[in-house]
Amino acid sequence: MNAPDRYERFVVPEGTKKVSFEKDTKIMNAASFTIEREDHTIGNILRMQLHRDPNVHFAGYKLPHPLQYKIIVRIHTASQSSPTQAYTQAINDLDKELENLKQAFEDEKTRFESMKQGY
């Protein structure tokens, strides 16, 4: 079979960075971030979070090939920001959102279990 092993979708090979950065040489304040071992799930969430930033002019991602387990995120920002700042802020904001979602889930689970014990 020609398909790669399943673990290759998730495990970053030794010596490979999870995220690499490449500045665009033709457009000011534009860059590409290659994120290893990720797919549409992270790409779309990150793209949408970047679109919430008023300093981001463009944010998009692509999967170069279905058998290459990486995404390339392209960001173009206004002059008062940089693609690295926008990327870092988007990741931090997503981390906070997921933490809030986890806390709300835990709170609701606790509330449900306490109601269940009352019956």
PDB file of N, CA and C in Angstrom:
ATOM      1  N   MET A   1       0.833  -1.184   0.000  1.00  0.00           N
ATOM      2  CA  MET A   1       0.000   0.000   0.000  1.00  0.00           C
ATOM      3  C   MET A   1       0.877   1.247   0.000  1.00  0.00           C
ATOM      4  N   ASN A   2       0.471   2.270  -0.728  1.00  0.00           N
ATOM      5  CA  ASN A   2       1.274   3.485  -0.843  1.00  0.00           C
ATOM      6  C   ASN A   2       1.010   4.506   0.246  1.00  0.00           C
ATOM      7  N   ALA A   3      -0.025   4.314   1.021  1.00  0.00           N
ATOM      8  CA  ALA A   3      -0.377   5.288   2.053  1.00  0.00           C
ATOM      9  C   ALA A   3       0.666   5.286   3.174  1.00  0.00           C
ATOM     10  N   PRO A   4       0.987   6.482   3.690  1.00  0.00           N
ATOM     11  CA  PRO A   4       1.923   6.550   4.821  1.00  0.00           C
ATOM     12  C   PRO A   4       1.293   5.948   6.087  1.00  0.00           C
ATOM     13  N   ASP A   5       2.139   5.604   7.039  1.00  0.00           N
ATOM     14  CA  ASP A   5       1.644   5.082   8.312  1.00  0.00           C
ATOM     15  C   ASP A   5       0.795   6.147   9.004  1.00  0.00           C
ATOM     16  N   ARG A   6      -0.215   5.693   9.782  1.00  0.00           N
ATOM     17  CA  ARG A   6      -1.145   6.620  10.443  1.00  0.00           C
ATOM     18  C   ARG A   6      -0.459   7.570  11.408  1.00  0.00           C
ATOM     19  N   TYR A   7       0.555   7.093  12.116  1.00  0.00           N
ATOM     20  CA  TYR A   7       1.201   7.949  13.112  1.00  0.00           C
ATOM     21  C   TYR A   7       1.864   9.162  12.463  1.00  0.00           C
ATOM     22  N   GLU A   8       2.178   9.069  11.178  1.00  0.00           N
ATOM     23  CA  GLU A   8       2.829  10.185  10.492  1.00  0.00           C
ATOM     24  C   GLU A   8       1.929  11.411  10.402  1.00  0.00           C
ATOM     25  N   ARG A   9       0.628  11.233  10.578  1.00  0.00           N
ATOM     26  CA  ARG A   9      -0.304  12.365  10.551  1.00  0.00           C
ATOM     27  C   ARG A   9      -0.180  13.244  11.791  1.00  0.00           C
ATOM     28  N   PHE A  10       0.352  12.681  12.884  1.00  0.00           N
ATOM     29  CA  PHE A  10       0.314  13.373  14.171  1.00  0.00           C
ATOM     30  C   PHE A  10       1.684  13.645  14.772  1.00  0.00           C
ATOM     31  N   VAL A  11       2.627  12.757  14.561  1.00  0.00           N
ATOM     32  CA  VAL A  11       3.930  12.856  15.218  1.00  0.00           C
ATOM     33  C   VAL A  11       4.874  13.697  14.362  1.00  0.00           C
ATOM     34  N   VAL A  12       5.360  14.783  14.934  1.00  0.00           N
ATOM     35  CA  VAL A  12       6.317  15.641  14.240  1.00  0.00           C
ATOM     36  C   VAL A  12       7.674  14.941  14.274  1.00  0.00           C
ATOM     37  N   PRO A  13       8.296  14.726  13.114  1.00  0.00           N
ATOM     38  CA  PRO A  13       9.589  14.036  13.094  1.00  0.00           C
ATOM     39  C   PRO A  13      10.656  14.787  13.882  1.00  0.00           C
ATOM     40  N   GLU A  14      11.588  14.046  14.434  1.00  0.00           N
ATOM     41  CA  GLU A  14      12.679  14.666  15.183  1.00  0.00           C
ATOM     42  C   GLU A  14      13.465  15.596  14.275  1.00  0.00           C
ATOM     43  N   GLY A  15      13.811  16.753  14.809  1.00  0.00           N
ATOM     44  CA  GLY A  15      14.568  17.722  14.036  1.00  0.00           C
ATOM     45  C   GLY A  15      13.698  18.645  13.191  1.00  0.00           C
ATOM     46  N   THR A  16      12.391  18.419  13.199  1.00  0.00           N
ATOM     47  CA  THR A  16      11.463  19.268  12.442  1.00  0.00           C
ATOM     48  C   THR A  16      10.737  20.184  13.407  1.00  0.00           C
ATOM     49  N   LYS A  17      10.673  21.466  13.081  1.00  0.00           N
ATOM     50  CA  LYS A  17       9.946  22.425  13.912  1.00  0.00           C
ATOM     51  C   LYS A  17       8.448  22.266  13.678  1.00  0.00           C
ATOM     52  N   LYS A  18       7.656  22.456  14.707  1.00  0.00           N
ATOM     53  CA  LYS A  18       6.197  22.409  14.582  1.00  0.00           C
ATOM     54  C   LYS A  18       5.714  23.560  13.699  1.00  0.00           C
ATOM     55  N   VAL A  19       6.290  24.744  13.901  1.00  0.00           N
ATOM     56  CA  VAL A  19       5.906  25.920  13.122  1.00  0.00           C
ATOM     57  C   VAL A  19       7.170  26.561  12.563  1.00  0.00           C
ATOM     58  N   SER A  20       7.148  26.841  11.271  1.00  0.00           N
ATOM     59  CA  SER A  20       8.261  27.580  10.672  1.00  0.00           C
ATOM     60  C   SER A  20       7.703  28.833  10.005  1.00  0.00           C
ATOM     61  N   PHE A  21       8.537  29.843   9.917  1.00  0.00           N
ATOM     62  CA  PHE A  21       8.144  31.181   9.466  1.00  0.00           C
ATOM     63  C   PHE A  21       8.948  31.547   8.229  1.00  0.00           C
ATOM     64  N   GLU A  22       8.266  32.123   7.237  1.00  0.00           N
ATOM     65  CA  GLU A  22       8.963  32.613   6.057  1.00  0.00           C
ATOM     66  C   GLU A  22       8.371  33.969   5.670  1.00  0.00           C
ATOM     67  N   LYS A  23       9.204  34.989   5.738  1.00  0.00           N
ATOM     68  CA  LYS A  23       8.760  36.348   5.400  1.00  0.00           C
ATOM     69  C   LYS A  23       8.628  36.471   3.884  1.00  0.00           C
ATOM     70  N   ASP A  24       7.589  37.181   3.461  1.00  0.00           N
ATOM     71  CA  ASP A  24       7.374  37.410   2.033  1.00  0.00           C
ATOM     72  C   ASP A  24       8.343  38.483   1.557  1.00  0.00           C
ATOM     73  N   THR A  25       9.003  38.251   0.445  1.00  0.00           N
ATOM     74  CA  THR A  25       9.987  39.213  -0.061  1.00  0.00           C
ATOM     75  C   THR A  25       9.363  40.262  -0.973  1.00  0.00           C
ATOM     76  N   LYS A  26       8.125  40.030  -1.445  1.00  0.00           N
ATOM     77  CA  LYS A  26       7.496  40.950  -2.392  1.00  0.00           C
ATOM     78  C   LYS A  26       6.470  41.875  -1.746  1.00  0.00           C
ATOM     79  N   ILE A  27       5.824  41.417  -0.686  1.00  0.00           N
ATOM     80  CA  ILE A  27       4.772  42.204  -0.038  1.00  0.00           C
ATOM     81  C   ILE A  27       5.212  42.533   1.381  1.00  0.00           C
ATOM     82  N   MET A  28       5.160  43.831   1.717  1.00  0.00           N
ATOM     83  CA  MET A  28       5.513  44.226   3.083  1.00  0.00           C
ATOM     84  C   MET A  28       4.471  43.708   4.067  1.00  0.00           C
ATOM     85  N   ASN A  29       4.915  43.368   5.256  1.00  0.00           N
ATOM     86  CA  ASN A  29       4.048  42.869   6.332  1.00  0.00           C
ATOM     87  C   ASN A  29       3.246  41.642   5.904  1.00  0.00           C
ATOM     88  N   ALA A  30       3.875  40.758   5.179  1.00  0.00           N
ATOM     89  CA  ALA A  30       3.239  39.500   4.798  1.00  0.00           C
ATOM     90  C   ALA A  30       4.220  38.366   5.077  1.00  0.00           C
ATOM     91  N   ALA A  31       3.661  37.230   5.477  1.00  0.00           N
ATOM     92  CA  ALA A  31       4.500  36.078   5.780  1.00  0.00           C
ATOM     93  C   ALA A  31       3.676  34.805   5.683  1.00  0.00           C
ATOM     94  N   SER A  32       4.386  33.701   5.607  1.00  0.00           N
ATOM     95  CA  SER A  32       3.757  32.383   5.608  1.00  0.00           C
ATOM     96  C   SER A  32       4.284  31.590   6.795  1.00  0.00           C
ATOM     97  N   PHE A  33       3.382  30.890   7.445  1.00  0.00           N
ATOM     98  CA  PHE A  33       3.726  30.012   8.561  1.00  0.00           C
ATOM     99  C   PHE A  33       3.380  28.590   8.139  1.00  0.00           C
ATOM    100  N   THR A  34       4.343  27.702   8.187  1.00  0.00           N
ATOM    101  CA  THR A  34       4.095  26.300   7.892  1.00  0.00           C
ATOM    102  C   THR A  34       3.932  25.571   9.219  1.00  0.00           C
ATOM    103  N   ILE A  35       2.787  24.941   9.393  1.00  0.00           N
ATOM    104  CA  ILE A  35       2.488  24.236  10.634  1.00  0.00           C
ATOM    105  C   ILE A  35       2.449  22.751  10.319  1.00  0.00           C
ATOM    106  N   GLU A  36       3.371  22.034  10.898  1.00  0.00           N
ATOM    107  CA  GLU A  36       3.501  20.595  10.641  1.00  0.00           C
ATOM    108  C   GLU A  36       2.445  19.793  11.392  1.00  0.00           C
ATOM    109  N   ARG A  37       2.000  18.747  10.760  1.00  0.00           N
ATOM    110  CA  ARG A  37       1.076  17.745  11.322  1.00  0.00           C
ATOM    111  C   ARG A  37      -0.268  18.335  11.733  1.00  0.00           C
ATOM    112  N   GLU A  38      -0.777  19.270  10.934  1.00  0.00           N
ATOM    113  CA  GLU A  38      -2.099  19.839  11.162  1.00  0.00           C
ATOM    114  C   GLU A  38      -2.883  19.796   9.863  1.00  0.00           C
ATOM    115  N   ASP A  39      -4.205  20.012   9.959  1.00  0.00           N
ATOM    116  CA  ASP A  39      -5.060  19.921   8.786  1.00  0.00           C
ATOM    117  C   ASP A  39      -6.106  21.034   8.805  1.00  0.00           C
ATOM    118  N   HIS A  40      -7.227  20.820   8.100  1.00  0.00           N
ATOM    119  CA  HIS A  40      -8.262  21.846   7.981  1.00  0.00           C
ATOM    120  C   HIS A  40      -8.822  22.288   9.330  1.00  0.00           C
ATOM    121  N   THR A  41      -8.833  21.406  10.311  1.00  0.00           N
ATOM    122  CA  THR A  41      -9.403  21.750  11.612  1.00  0.00           C
ATOM    123  C   THR A  41      -8.694  22.978  12.195  1.00  0.00           C
ATOM    124  N   ILE A  42      -7.396  22.908  12.305  1.00  0.00           N
ATOM    125  CA  ILE A  42      -6.624  24.015  12.867  1.00  0.00           C
ATOM    126  C   ILE A  42      -6.539  25.171  11.873  1.00  0.00           C
ATOM    127  N   GLY A  43      -6.385  24.852  10.595  1.00  0.00           N
ATOM    128  CA  GLY A  43      -6.261  25.890   9.580  1.00  0.00           C
ATOM    129  C   GLY A  43      -7.457  26.815   9.545  1.00  0.00           C
ATOM    130  N   ASN A  44      -8.653  26.248   9.555  1.00  0.00           N
ATOM    131  CA  ASN A  44      -9.855  27.069   9.467  1.00  0.00           C
ATOM    132  C   ASN A  44     -10.091  27.861  10.751  1.00  0.00           C
ATOM    133  N   ILE A  45      -9.881  27.256  11.902  1.00  0.00           N
ATOM    134  CA  ILE A  45     -10.055  27.971  13.169  1.00  0.00           C
ATOM    135  C   ILE A  45      -9.069  29.143  13.264  1.00  0.00           C
ATOM    136  N   LEU A  46      -7.829  28.887  12.892  1.00  0.00           N
ATOM    137  CA  LEU A  46      -6.806  29.933  12.951  1.00  0.00           C
ATOM    138  C   LEU A  46      -7.115  31.049  11.956  1.00  0.00           C
ATOM    139  N   ARG A  47      -7.539  30.701  10.763  1.00  0.00           N
ATOM    140  CA  ARG A  47      -7.901  31.698   9.751  1.00  0.00           C
ATOM    141  C   ARG A  47      -9.042  32.590  10.251  1.00  0.00           C
ATOM    142  N   MET A  48     -10.064  31.975  10.829  1.00  0.00           N
ATOM    143  CA  MET A  48     -11.198  32.762  11.321  1.00  0.00           C
ATOM    144  C   MET A  48     -10.786  33.679  12.469  1.00  0.00           C
ATOM    145  N   GLN A  49      -9.919  33.203  13.344  1.00  0.00           N
ATOM    146  CA  GLN A  49      -9.448  34.038  14.455  1.00  0.00           C
ATOM    147  C   GLN A  49      -8.618  35.208  13.920  1.00  0.00           C
ATOM    148  N   LEU A  50      -7.801  34.958  12.925  1.00  0.00           N
ATOM    149  CA  LEU A  50      -7.009  36.034  12.323  1.00  0.00           C
ATOM    150  C   LEU A  50      -7.905  37.084  11.666  1.00  0.00           C
ATOM    151  N   HIS A  51      -9.026  36.669  11.097  1.00  0.00           N
ATOM    152  CA  HIS A  51      -9.952  37.617  10.466  1.00  0.00           C
ATOM    153  C   HIS A  51     -10.601  38.549  11.491  1.00  0.00           C
ATOM    154  N   ARG A  52     -10.624  38.175  12.744  1.00  0.00           N
ATOM    155  CA  ARG A  52     -11.185  39.038  13.796  1.00  0.00           C
ATOM    156  C   ARG A  52     -10.267  40.204  14.135  1.00  0.00           C
ATOM    157  N   ASP A  53      -9.007  40.095  13.780  1.00  0.00           N
ATOM    158  CA  ASP A  53      -8.023  41.141  14.074  1.00  0.00           C
ATOM    159  C   ASP A  53      -8.150  42.256  13.035  1.00  0.00           C
ATOM    160  N   PRO A  54      -8.427  43.487  13.466  1.00  0.00           N
ATOM    161  CA  PRO A  54      -8.586  44.582  12.496  1.00  0.00           C
ATOM    162  C   PRO A  54      -7.299  44.934  11.752  1.00  0.00           C
ATOM    163  N   ASN A  55      -6.137  44.526  12.274  1.00  0.00           N
ATOM    164  CA  ASN A  55      -4.865  44.803  11.607  1.00  0.00           C
ATOM    165  C   ASN A  55      -4.517  43.784  10.524  1.00  0.00           C
ATOM    166  N   VAL A  56      -5.306  42.736  10.399  1.00  0.00           N
ATOM    167  CA  VAL A  56      -5.034  41.704   9.402  1.00  0.00           C
ATOM    168  C   VAL A  56      -5.811  42.023   8.127  1.00  0.00           C
ATOM    169  N   HIS A  57      -5.072  42.238   7.050  1.00  0.00           N
ATOM    170  CA  HIS A  57      -5.695  42.490   5.743  1.00  0.00           C
ATOM    171  C   HIS A  57      -6.105  41.189   5.065  1.00  0.00           C
ATOM    172  N   PHE A  58      -5.281  40.160   5.221  1.00  0.00           N
ATOM    173  CA  PHE A  58      -5.544  38.879   4.577  1.00  0.00           C
ATOM    174  C   PHE A  58      -5.050  37.755   5.478  1.00  0.00           C
ATOM    175  N   ALA A  59      -5.845  36.696   5.564  1.00  0.00           N
ATOM    176  CA  ALA A  59      -5.432  35.482   6.266  1.00  0.00           C
ATOM    177  C   ALA A  59      -6.059  34.308   5.529  1.00  0.00           C
ATOM    178  N   GLY A  60      -5.248  33.356   5.171  1.00  0.00           N
ATOM    179  CA  GLY A  60      -5.736  32.168   4.491  1.00  0.00           C
ATOM    180  C   GLY A  60      -4.793  31.013   4.744  1.00  0.00           C
ATOM    181  N   TYR A  61      -5.241  29.834   4.402  1.00  0.00           N
ATOM    182  CA  TYR A  61      -4.389  28.669   4.573  1.00  0.00           C
ATOM    183  C   TYR A  61      -4.624  27.703   3.423  1.00  0.00           C
ATOM    184  N   LYS A  62      -3.676  26.800   3.249  1.00  0.00           N
ATOM    185  CA  LYS A  62      -3.835  25.743   2.254  1.00  0.00           C
ATOM    186  C   LYS A  62      -3.110  24.496   2.724  1.00  0.00           C
ATOM    187  N   LEU A  63      -3.584  23.376   2.244  1.00  0.00           N
ATOM    188  CA  LEU A  63      -2.886  22.113   2.409  1.00  0.00           C
ATOM    189  C   LEU A  63      -2.191  21.845   1.083  1.00  0.00           C
ATOM    190  N   PRO A  64      -0.862  21.781   1.077  1.00  0.00           N
ATOM    191  CA  PRO A  64      -0.150  21.629  -0.193  1.00  0.00           C
ATOM    192  C   PRO A  64      -0.521  20.339  -0.943  1.00  0.00           C
ATOM    193  N   HIS A  65      -0.722  19.254  -0.200  1.00  0.00           N
ATOM    194  CA  HIS A  65      -1.031  17.964  -0.819  1.00  0.00           C
ATOM    195  C   HIS A  65      -1.695  17.078   0.231  1.00  0.00           C
ATOM    196  N   PRO A  66      -2.669  16.256  -0.164  1.00  0.00           N
ATOM    197  CA  PRO A  66      -3.364  15.410   0.825  1.00  0.00           C
ATOM    198  C   PRO A  66      -2.458  14.445   1.596  1.00  0.00           C
ATOM    199  N   LEU A  67      -1.330  14.070   1.014  1.00  0.00           N
ATOM    200  CA  LEU A  67      -0.424  13.156   1.713  1.00  0.00           C
ATOM    201  C   LEU A  67       0.694  13.874   2.467  1.00  0.00           C
ATOM    202  N   GLN A  68       0.708  15.204   2.405  1.00  0.00           N
ATOM    203  CA  GLN A  68       1.642  15.992   3.209  1.00  0.00           C
ATOM    204  C   GLN A  68       0.853  16.539   4.387  1.00  0.00           C
ATOM    205  N   TYR A  69       1.235  16.172   5.577  1.00  0.00           N
ATOM    206  CA  TYR A  69       0.477  16.546   6.764  1.00  0.00           C
ATOM    207  C   TYR A  69       0.983  17.865   7.331  1.00  0.00           C
ATOM    208  N   LYS A  70       0.675  18.922   6.598  1.00  0.00           N
ATOM    209  CA  LYS A  70       1.034  20.264   7.050  1.00  0.00           C
ATOM    210  C   LYS A  70       0.091  21.248   6.379  1.00  0.00           C
ATOM    211  N   ILE A  71      -0.018  22.423   7.006  1.00  0.00           N
ATOM    212  CA  ILE A  71      -0.773  23.519   6.412  1.00  0.00           C
ATOM    213  C   ILE A  71       0.151  24.718   6.294  1.00  0.00           C
ATOM    214  N   ILE A  72      -0.161  25.575   5.348  1.00  0.00           N
ATOM    215  CA  ILE A  72       0.585  26.819   5.174  1.00  0.00           C
ATOM    216  C   ILE A  72      -0.406  27.957   5.389  1.00  0.00           C
ATOM    217  N   VAL A  73      -0.149  28.750   6.421  1.00  0.00           N
ATOM    218  CA  VAL A  73      -1.005  29.885   6.763  1.00  0.00           C
ATOM    219  C   VAL A  73      -0.319  31.145   6.269  1.00  0.00           C
ATOM    220  N   ARG A  74      -1.039  31.919   5.482  1.00  0.00           N
ATOM    221  CA  ARG A  74      -0.498  33.164   4.933  1.00  0.00           C
ATOM    222  C   ARG A  74      -1.221  34.342   5.590  1.00  0.00           C
ATOM    223  N   ILE A  75      -0.420  35.321   6.063  1.00  0.00           N
ATOM    224  CA  ILE A  75      -0.967  36.477   6.778  1.00  0.00           C
ATOM    225  C   ILE A  75      -0.370  37.753   6.203  1.00  0.00           C
ATOM    226  N   HIS A  76      -1.235  38.729   5.946  1.00  0.00           N
ATOM    227  CA  HIS A  76      -0.803  40.063   5.517  1.00  0.00           C
ATOM    228  C   HIS A  76      -1.446  41.062   6.475  1.00  0.00           C
ATOM    229  N   THR A  77      -0.613  41.895   7.108  1.00  0.00           N
ATOM    230  CA  THR A  77      -1.117  42.814   8.129  1.00  0.00           C
ATOM    231  C   THR A  77      -0.895  44.268   7.728  1.00  0.00           C
ATOM    232  N   ALA A  78      -1.537  45.143   8.490  1.00  0.00           N
ATOM    233  CA  ALA A  78      -1.333  46.585   8.334  1.00  0.00           C
ATOM    234  C   ALA A  78       0.061  46.944   8.842  1.00  0.00           C
ATOM    235  N   SER A  79       0.498  48.171   8.553  1.00  0.00           N
ATOM    236  CA  SER A  79       1.866  48.577   8.901  1.00  0.00           C
ATOM    237  C   SER A  79       2.122  48.641  10.404  1.00  0.00           C
ATOM    238  N   GLN A  80       1.073  48.872  11.215  1.00  0.00           N
ATOM    239  CA  GLN A  80       1.283  48.976  12.671  1.00  0.00           C
ATOM    240  C   GLN A  80       1.384  47.607  13.348  1.00  0.00           C
ATOM    241  N   SER A  81       1.260  46.540  12.592  1.00  0.00           N
ATOM    242  CA  SER A  81       1.349  45.191  13.147  1.00  0.00           C
ATOM    243  C   SER A  81       2.270  44.357  12.264  1.00  0.00           C
ATOM    244  N   SER A  82       2.586  43.171  12.737  1.00  0.00           N
ATOM    245  CA  SER A  82       3.392  42.248  11.929  1.00  0.00           C
ATOM    246  C   SER A  82       2.668  40.911  11.865  1.00  0.00           C
ATOM    247  N   PRO A  83       2.953  40.109  10.854  1.00  0.00           N
ATOM    248  CA  PRO A  83       2.327  38.792  10.784  1.00  0.00           C
ATOM    249  C   PRO A  83       2.618  37.925  12.016  1.00  0.00           C
ATOM    250  N   THR A  84       3.815  38.050  12.554  1.00  0.00           N
ATOM    251  CA  THR A  84       4.170  37.277  13.747  1.00  0.00           C
ATOM    252  C   THR A  84       3.317  37.694  14.942  1.00  0.00           C
ATOM    253  N   GLN A  85       3.114  39.006  15.113  1.00  0.00           N
ATOM    254  CA  GLN A  85       2.264  39.487  16.204  1.00  0.00           C
ATOM    255  C   GLN A  85       0.830  39.003  16.026  1.00  0.00           C
ATOM    256  N   ALA A  86       0.314  39.081  14.808  1.00  0.00           N
ATOM    257  CA  ALA A  86      -1.059  38.643  14.549  1.00  0.00           C
ATOM    258  C   ALA A  86      -1.212  37.149  14.805  1.00  0.00           C
ATOM    259  N   TYR A  87      -0.237  36.366  14.369  1.00  0.00           N
ATOM    260  CA  TYR A  87      -0.265  34.915  14.572  1.00  0.00           C
ATOM    261  C   TYR A  87      -0.237  34.585  16.065  1.00  0.00           C
ATOM    262  N   THR A  88       0.677  35.205  16.785  1.00  0.00           N
ATOM    263  CA  THR A  88       0.806  34.955  18.225  1.00  0.00           C
ATOM    264  C   THR A  88      -0.458  35.356  18.966  1.00  0.00           C
ATOM    265  N   GLN A  89      -1.020  36.517  18.625  1.00  0.00           N
ATOM    266  CA  GLN A  89      -2.246  36.981  19.271  1.00  0.00           C
ATOM    267  C   GLN A  89      -3.405  36.036  18.978  1.00  0.00           C
ATOM    268  N   ALA A  90      -3.516  35.568  17.742  1.00  0.00           N
ATOM    269  CA  ALA A  90      -4.592  34.638  17.380  1.00  0.00           C
ATOM    270  C   ALA A  90      -4.474  33.338  18.167  1.00  0.00           C
ATOM    271  N   ILE A  91      -3.273  32.814  18.290  1.00  0.00           N
ATOM    272  CA  ILE A  91      -3.060  31.573  19.056  1.00  0.00           C
ATOM    273  C   ILE A  91      -3.421  31.787  20.520  1.00  0.00           C
ATOM    274  N   ASN A  92      -2.994  32.914  21.095  1.00  0.00           N
ATOM    275  CA  ASN A  92      -3.306  33.201  22.499  1.00  0.00           C
ATOM    276  C   ASN A  92      -4.809  33.373  22.712  1.00  0.00           C
ATOM    277  N   ASP A  93      -5.474  34.069  21.788  1.00  0.00           N
ATOM    278  CA  ASP A  93      -6.924  34.258  21.902  1.00  0.00           C
ATOM    279  C   ASP A  93      -7.671  32.929  21.798  1.00  0.00           C
ATOM    280  N   LEU A  94      -7.236  32.073  20.892  1.00  0.00           N
ATOM    281  CA  LEU A  94      -7.866  30.754  20.757  1.00  0.00           C
ATOM    282  C   LEU A  94      -7.652  29.914  22.010  1.00  0.00           C
ATOM    283  N   ASP A  95      -6.468  30.028  22.592  1.00  0.00           N
ATOM    284  CA  ASP A  95      -6.181  29.300  23.823  1.00  0.00           C
ATOM    285  C   ASP A  95      -7.130  29.739  24.939  1.00  0.00           C
ATOM    286  N   LYS A  96      -7.360  31.047  25.048  1.00  0.00           N
ATOM    287  CA  LYS A  96      -8.287  31.569  26.064  1.00  0.00           C
ATOM    288  C   LYS A  96      -9.717  31.114  25.793  1.00  0.00           C
ATOM    289  N   GLU A  97     -10.148  31.151  24.530  1.00  0.00           N
ATOM    290  CA  GLU A  97     -11.497  30.706  24.174  1.00  0.00           C
ATOM    291  C   GLU A  97     -11.709  29.240  24.524  1.00  0.00           C
ATOM    292  N   LEU A  98     -10.722  28.418  24.214  1.00  0.00           N
ATOM    293  CA  LEU A  98     -10.845  26.991  24.523  1.00  0.00           C
ATOM    294  C   LEU A  98     -10.837  26.740  26.024  1.00  0.00           C
ATOM    295  N   GLU A  99     -10.068  27.536  26.756  1.00  0.00           N
ATOM    296  CA  GLU A  99     -10.058  27.399  28.213  1.00  0.00           C
ATOM    297  C   GLU A  99     -11.426  27.784  28.781  1.00  0.00           C
ATOM    298  N   ASN A 100     -12.042  28.857  28.245  1.00  0.00           N
ATOM    299  CA  ASN A 100     -13.382  29.256  28.681  1.00  0.00           C
ATOM    300  C   ASN A 100     -14.417  28.183  28.348  1.00  0.00           C
ATOM    301  N   LEU A 101     -14.309  27.594  27.173  1.00  0.00           N
ATOM    302  CA  LEU A 101     -15.222  26.525  26.780  1.00  0.00           C
ATOM    303  C   LEU A 101     -15.071  25.314  27.697  1.00  0.00           C
ATOM    304  N   LYS A 102     -13.845  24.969  28.015  1.00  0.00           N
ATOM    305  CA  LYS A 102     -13.590  23.847  28.923  1.00  0.00           C
ATOM    306  C   LYS A 102     -14.180  24.129  30.300  1.00  0.00           C
ATOM    307  N   GLN A 103     -13.999  25.353  30.793  1.00  0.00           N
ATOM    308  CA  GLN A 103     -14.522  25.710  32.110  1.00  0.00           C
ATOM    309  C   GLN A 103     -16.042  25.677  32.124  1.00  0.00           C
ATOM    310  N   ALA A 104     -16.679  26.190  31.071  1.00  0.00           N
ATOM    311  CA  ALA A 104     -18.141  26.164  30.991  1.00  0.00           C
ATOM    312  C   ALA A 104     -18.647  24.726  30.953  1.00  0.00           C
ATOM    313  N   PHE A 105     -17.954  23.859  30.236  1.00  0.00           N
ATOM    314  CA  PHE A 105     -18.333  22.457  30.169  1.00  0.00           C
ATOM    315  C   PHE A 105     -18.208  21.804  31.546  1.00  0.00           C
ATOM    316  N   GLU A 106     -17.104  22.048  32.220  1.00  0.00           N
ATOM    317  CA  GLU A 106     -16.888  21.472  33.555  1.00  0.00           C
ATOM    318  C   GLU A 106     -17.941  21.975  34.544  1.00  0.00           C
ATOM    319  N   ASP A 107     -18.264  23.261  34.480  1.00  0.00           N
ATOM    320  CA  ASP A 107     -19.280  23.828  35.368  1.00  0.00           C
ATOM    321  C   ASP A 107     -20.636  23.183  35.124  1.00  0.00           C
ATOM    322  N   GLU A 108     -20.990  23.018  33.864  1.00  0.00           N
ATOM    323  CA  GLU A 108     -22.280  22.409  33.522  1.00  0.00           C
ATOM    324  C   GLU A 108     -22.306  20.934  33.929  1.00  0.00           C
ATOM    325  N   LYS A 109     -21.200  20.262  33.763  1.00  0.00           N
ATOM    326  CA  LYS A 109     -21.108  18.852  34.165  1.00  0.00           C
ATOM    327  C   LYS A 109     -21.303  18.717  35.670  1.00  0.00           C
ATOM    328  N   THR A 110     -20.665  19.596  36.441  1.00  0.00           N
ATOM    329  CA  THR A 110     -20.801  19.584  37.890  1.00  0.00           C
ATOM    330  C   THR A 110     -22.242  19.871  38.296  1.00  0.00           C
ATOM    331  N   ARG A 111     -22.862  20.861  37.655  1.00  0.00           N
ATOM    332  CA  ARG A 111     -24.247  21.213  37.941  1.00  0.00           C
ATOM    333  C   ARG A 111     -25.183  20.038  37.627  1.00  0.00           C
ATOM    334  N   PHE A 112     -24.953  19.389  36.507  1.00  0.00           N
ATOM    335  CA  PHE A 112     -25.776  18.255  36.109  1.00  0.00           C
ATOM    336  C   PHE A 112     -25.638  17.098  37.100  1.00  0.00           C
ATOM    337  N   GLU A 113     -24.405  16.818  37.521  1.00  0.00           N
ATOM    338  CA  GLU A 113     -24.175  15.722  38.461  1.00  0.00           C
ATOM    339  C   GLU A 113     -24.803  16.020  39.819  1.00  0.00           C
ATOM    340  N   SER A 114     -24.788  17.285  40.252  1.00  0.00           N
ATOM    341  CA  SER A 114     -25.397  17.617  41.539  1.00  0.00           C
ATOM    342  C   SER A 114     -26.926  17.530  41.449  1.00  0.00           C
ATOM    343  N   MET A 115     -27.491  17.894  40.286  1.00  0.00           N
ATOM    344  CA  MET A 115     -28.952  17.748  40.097  1.00  0.00           C
ATOM    345  C   MET A 115     -29.343  16.265  40.067  1.00  0.00           C
ATOM    346  N   LYS A 116     -28.508  15.467  39.469  1.00  0.00           N
ATOM    347  CA  LYS A 116     -28.759  14.037  39.321  1.00  0.00           C
ATOM    348  C   LYS A 116     -28.782  13.346  40.697  1.00  0.00           C
ATOM    349  N   GLN A 117     -27.918  13.801  41.610  1.00  0.00           N
ATOM    350  CA  GLN A 117     -27.838  13.224  42.936  1.00  0.00           C
ATOM    351  C   GLN A 117     -29.070  13.584  43.757  1.00  0.00           C
ATOM    352  N   GLY A 118     -29.733  14.685  43.419  1.00  0.00           N
ATOM    353  CA  GLY A 118     -30.921  15.115  44.150  1.00  0.00           C
ATOM    354  C   GLY A 118     -32.129  14.238  43.879  1.00  0.00           C
ATOM    355  N   TYR A 119     -32.080  13.459  42.833  1.00  0.00           N
ATOM    356  CA  TYR A 119     -33.235  12.601  42.484  1.00  0.00           C
ATOM    357  C   TYR A 119     -33.127  11.248  43.080  1.00  0.00           C
TER     358      TYR A 119
END
